[in-house]
N, C-alpha and C. Protein backbone atom coordinates (compact mmCIF):
# COMPACT_ATOMS: atom_id res chain seq x y z
N UNK A 1 -11.03 -72.62 100.43
CA UNK A 1 -11.32 -71.21 100.61
C UNK A 1 -12.10 -71.06 101.91
N UNK A 2 -11.74 -70.08 102.71
CA UNK A 2 -12.41 -69.83 103.98
C UNK A 2 -13.62 -68.94 103.77
N UNK A 3 -14.54 -69.01 104.72
CA UNK A 3 -15.72 -68.16 104.70
C UNK A 3 -15.53 -67.04 105.70
N UNK A 4 -15.93 -65.84 105.31
CA UNK A 4 -15.79 -64.67 106.15
C UNK A 4 -17.14 -63.97 106.20
N UNK A 5 -17.58 -63.62 107.40
CA UNK A 5 -18.84 -62.92 107.57
C UNK A 5 -18.57 -61.57 108.19
N UNK A 6 -19.21 -60.53 107.67
CA UNK A 6 -18.98 -59.18 108.18
C UNK A 6 -20.24 -58.36 108.03
N UNK A 7 -20.27 -57.25 108.74
CA UNK A 7 -21.37 -56.28 108.61
C UNK A 7 -20.85 -55.07 107.84
N UNK A 8 -21.74 -54.51 107.03
CA UNK A 8 -21.41 -53.30 106.27
C UNK A 8 -22.51 -52.28 106.48
N UNK A 9 -22.18 -51.00 106.40
CA UNK A 9 -23.23 -49.98 106.45
C UNK A 9 -24.21 -50.17 105.28
N UNK A 10 -25.45 -49.85 105.53
CA UNK A 10 -26.49 -50.07 104.51
C UNK A 10 -26.15 -49.43 103.18
N UNK A 11 -25.66 -48.19 103.21
CA UNK A 11 -25.35 -47.48 101.96
C UNK A 11 -24.27 -48.23 101.19
N UNK A 12 -23.24 -48.68 101.88
CA UNK A 12 -22.15 -49.40 101.22
C UNK A 12 -22.66 -50.72 100.64
N UNK A 13 -23.49 -51.40 101.39
CA UNK A 13 -24.04 -52.67 100.90
C UNK A 13 -24.93 -52.44 99.68
N UNK A 14 -25.71 -51.36 99.69
CA UNK A 14 -26.55 -51.04 98.53
C UNK A 14 -25.69 -50.69 97.31
N UNK A 15 -24.61 -49.93 97.54
CA UNK A 15 -23.70 -49.60 96.44
C UNK A 15 -23.05 -50.86 95.88
N UNK A 16 -22.69 -51.77 96.76
CA UNK A 16 -22.09 -53.04 96.34
C UNK A 16 -23.08 -53.85 95.52
N UNK A 17 -24.30 -53.92 95.97
CA UNK A 17 -25.32 -54.68 95.24
C UNK A 17 -25.55 -54.08 93.85
N UNK A 18 -25.58 -52.75 93.76
CA UNK A 18 -25.76 -52.10 92.46
C UNK A 18 -24.57 -52.39 91.54
N UNK A 19 -23.35 -52.27 92.09
CA UNK A 19 -22.17 -52.56 91.28
C UNK A 19 -22.17 -54.00 90.80
N UNK A 20 -22.57 -54.91 91.66
CA UNK A 20 -22.62 -56.33 91.29
C UNK A 20 -23.61 -56.55 90.15
N UNK A 21 -24.73 -55.89 90.23
CA UNK A 21 -25.74 -56.00 89.17
C UNK A 21 -25.21 -55.39 87.87
N UNK A 22 -24.65 -54.19 87.96
CA UNK A 22 -24.14 -53.49 86.78
C UNK A 22 -23.01 -54.28 86.11
N UNK A 23 -22.13 -54.84 86.92
CA UNK A 23 -20.96 -55.55 86.38
C UNK A 23 -21.22 -57.03 86.11
N UNK A 24 -22.41 -57.48 86.55
CA UNK A 24 -22.76 -58.90 86.41
C UNK A 24 -21.70 -59.79 87.06
N UNK A 25 -21.32 -59.38 88.28
CA UNK A 25 -20.35 -60.12 89.07
C UNK A 25 -20.93 -60.39 90.45
N UNK A 26 -20.51 -61.48 91.08
CA UNK A 26 -20.95 -61.71 92.46
C UNK A 26 -20.33 -60.67 93.39
N UNK A 27 -21.05 -60.33 94.43
CA UNK A 27 -20.56 -59.33 95.39
C UNK A 27 -19.23 -59.74 96.00
N UNK A 28 -19.08 -61.03 96.30
CA UNK A 28 -17.83 -61.46 96.93
C UNK A 28 -16.63 -61.24 96.01
N UNK A 29 -16.81 -61.34 94.70
CA UNK A 29 -15.70 -61.09 93.77
C UNK A 29 -15.32 -59.62 93.75
N UNK A 30 -16.30 -58.75 93.84
CA UNK A 30 -16.02 -57.31 93.90
C UNK A 30 -15.28 -56.98 95.19
N UNK A 31 -15.74 -57.52 96.30
CA UNK A 31 -15.07 -57.29 97.58
C UNK A 31 -13.65 -57.84 97.55
N UNK A 32 -13.49 -59.04 96.99
CA UNK A 32 -12.16 -59.66 96.90
C UNK A 32 -11.19 -58.78 96.12
N UNK A 33 -11.64 -58.29 94.96
CA UNK A 33 -10.78 -57.44 94.12
C UNK A 33 -10.48 -56.11 94.82
N UNK A 34 -11.49 -55.51 95.43
CA UNK A 34 -11.29 -54.23 96.12
C UNK A 34 -10.33 -54.39 97.29
N UNK A 35 -10.44 -55.47 98.03
CA UNK A 35 -9.55 -55.70 99.16
C UNK A 35 -8.12 -55.95 98.69
N UNK A 36 -7.99 -56.69 97.60
CA UNK A 36 -6.66 -56.95 97.05
C UNK A 36 -5.98 -55.64 96.63
N UNK A 37 -6.72 -54.78 95.94
CA UNK A 37 -6.18 -53.48 95.51
C UNK A 37 -5.81 -52.64 96.73
N UNK A 38 -6.67 -52.62 97.74
CA UNK A 38 -6.41 -51.83 98.94
C UNK A 38 -5.15 -52.32 99.65
N UNK A 39 -5.00 -53.63 99.80
CA UNK A 39 -3.82 -54.18 100.47
C UNK A 39 -2.55 -53.89 99.69
N UNK A 40 -2.62 -53.93 98.35
CA UNK A 40 -1.46 -53.57 97.53
C UNK A 40 -1.09 -52.10 97.73
N UNK A 41 -2.09 -51.24 97.85
CA UNK A 41 -1.83 -49.81 98.09
C UNK A 41 -1.18 -49.61 99.46
N UNK A 42 -1.62 -50.35 100.46
CA UNK A 42 -1.00 -50.27 101.79
C UNK A 42 0.46 -50.70 101.73
N UNK A 43 0.72 -51.76 100.97
CA UNK A 43 2.10 -52.24 100.84
C UNK A 43 2.97 -51.18 100.14
N UNK A 44 2.45 -50.59 99.08
CA UNK A 44 3.20 -49.53 98.39
C UNK A 44 3.45 -48.34 99.30
N UNK A 45 2.45 -47.99 100.08
CA UNK A 45 2.61 -46.86 101.01
C UNK A 45 3.69 -47.17 102.04
N UNK A 46 3.76 -48.41 102.49
CA UNK A 46 4.80 -48.80 103.45
C UNK A 46 6.18 -48.70 102.81
N UNK A 47 6.30 -49.13 101.55
CA UNK A 47 7.58 -49.01 100.84
C UNK A 47 7.98 -47.55 100.69
N UNK A 48 7.04 -46.72 100.29
CA UNK A 48 7.33 -45.29 100.12
C UNK A 48 7.79 -44.69 101.44
N UNK A 49 7.09 -45.03 102.51
CA UNK A 49 7.46 -44.51 103.83
C UNK A 49 8.87 -44.94 104.21
N UNK A 50 9.20 -46.21 103.93
CA UNK A 50 10.54 -46.69 104.29
C UNK A 50 11.61 -46.01 103.44
N UNK A 51 11.33 -45.77 102.15
CA UNK A 51 12.30 -45.08 101.30
C UNK A 51 12.49 -43.63 101.75
N UNK A 52 11.41 -42.99 102.15
CA UNK A 52 11.53 -41.62 102.64
C UNK A 52 12.34 -41.58 103.93
N UNK A 53 12.13 -42.59 104.79
CA UNK A 53 12.89 -42.65 106.03
C UNK A 53 14.37 -42.90 105.73
N UNK A 54 14.66 -43.77 104.75
CA UNK A 54 16.04 -44.05 104.38
C UNK A 54 16.70 -42.84 103.74
N UNK A 55 15.92 -42.03 103.04
CA UNK A 55 16.47 -40.85 102.38
C UNK A 55 17.03 -39.85 103.39
N UNK A 56 16.58 -39.93 104.62
CA UNK A 56 17.07 -39.03 105.67
C UNK A 56 18.20 -39.66 106.48
N UNK A 57 18.50 -40.92 106.21
CA UNK A 57 19.53 -41.65 106.96
C UNK A 57 20.86 -41.53 106.21
N UNK A 58 21.80 -40.80 106.79
CA UNK A 58 23.08 -40.55 106.11
C UNK A 58 23.85 -41.83 105.82
N UNK A 59 23.79 -42.80 106.72
CA UNK A 59 24.50 -44.08 106.49
C UNK A 59 23.91 -44.82 105.29
N UNK A 60 22.58 -44.80 105.17
CA UNK A 60 21.93 -45.48 104.04
C UNK A 60 22.27 -44.77 102.72
N UNK A 61 22.29 -43.45 102.75
CA UNK A 61 22.64 -42.70 101.54
C UNK A 61 24.08 -43.00 101.11
N UNK A 62 24.98 -43.08 102.07
CA UNK A 62 26.37 -43.37 101.77
C UNK A 62 26.50 -44.77 101.16
N UNK A 63 25.79 -45.75 101.73
CA UNK A 63 25.84 -47.10 101.17
C UNK A 63 25.28 -47.13 99.76
N UNK A 64 24.20 -46.40 99.52
CA UNK A 64 23.61 -46.37 98.19
C UNK A 64 24.56 -45.74 97.18
N UNK A 65 25.23 -44.65 97.58
CA UNK A 65 26.18 -44.00 96.69
C UNK A 65 27.36 -44.91 96.39
N UNK A 66 27.84 -45.62 97.39
CA UNK A 66 28.95 -46.57 97.17
C UNK A 66 28.50 -47.68 96.21
N UNK A 67 27.28 -48.15 96.40
CA UNK A 67 26.75 -49.19 95.51
C UNK A 67 26.63 -48.71 94.08
N UNK A 68 26.21 -47.46 93.89
CA UNK A 68 26.09 -46.91 92.54
C UNK A 68 27.46 -46.75 91.91
N UNK A 69 28.45 -46.37 92.70
CA UNK A 69 29.81 -46.23 92.17
C UNK A 69 30.31 -47.59 91.68
N UNK A 70 30.06 -48.64 92.45
CA UNK A 70 30.46 -49.99 92.04
C UNK A 70 29.72 -50.41 90.77
N UNK A 71 28.44 -50.07 90.70
CA UNK A 71 27.64 -50.43 89.53
C UNK A 71 28.16 -49.71 88.28
N UNK A 72 28.46 -48.43 88.39
CA UNK A 72 28.99 -47.67 87.26
C UNK A 72 30.35 -48.23 86.82
N UNK A 73 31.17 -48.62 87.77
CA UNK A 73 32.47 -49.21 87.45
C UNK A 73 32.28 -50.52 86.68
N UNK A 74 31.32 -51.33 87.10
CA UNK A 74 31.02 -52.58 86.40
C UNK A 74 30.55 -52.32 84.98
N UNK A 75 29.70 -51.30 84.80
CA UNK A 75 29.22 -50.94 83.46
C UNK A 75 30.36 -50.51 82.56
N UNK A 76 31.25 -49.69 83.12
CA UNK A 76 32.41 -49.21 82.33
C UNK A 76 33.29 -50.38 81.93
N UNK A 77 33.53 -51.31 82.83
CA UNK A 77 34.34 -52.48 82.51
C UNK A 77 33.68 -53.32 81.42
N UNK A 78 32.37 -53.44 81.49
CA UNK A 78 31.62 -54.22 80.48
C UNK A 78 31.72 -53.55 79.11
N UNK A 79 31.63 -52.23 79.08
CA UNK A 79 31.69 -51.50 77.80
C UNK A 79 33.08 -51.59 77.18
N UNK A 80 34.11 -51.71 77.98
CA UNK A 80 35.49 -51.76 77.49
C UNK A 80 35.90 -53.15 77.01
N UNK A 81 35.06 -54.12 77.15
CA UNK A 81 35.42 -55.48 76.70
C UNK A 81 35.27 -55.61 75.21
């Protein structure tokens, strides 16, 4: 595990210390969890942005519709067996 050193505003550091005391957790574990959640949210936001961009792309919509038609055809064939 690598070591990381950073500066934080006093208020944020005080809030972190209080949360660590209240939760009986080390500060680094709280920071680790918060950073993990934040990075996951950034990743989700990037996915949403890409889907919104694709929703405006006529070629992508056409490919998606063709894919759904193939999928429905496969389902119908499976049900008829």
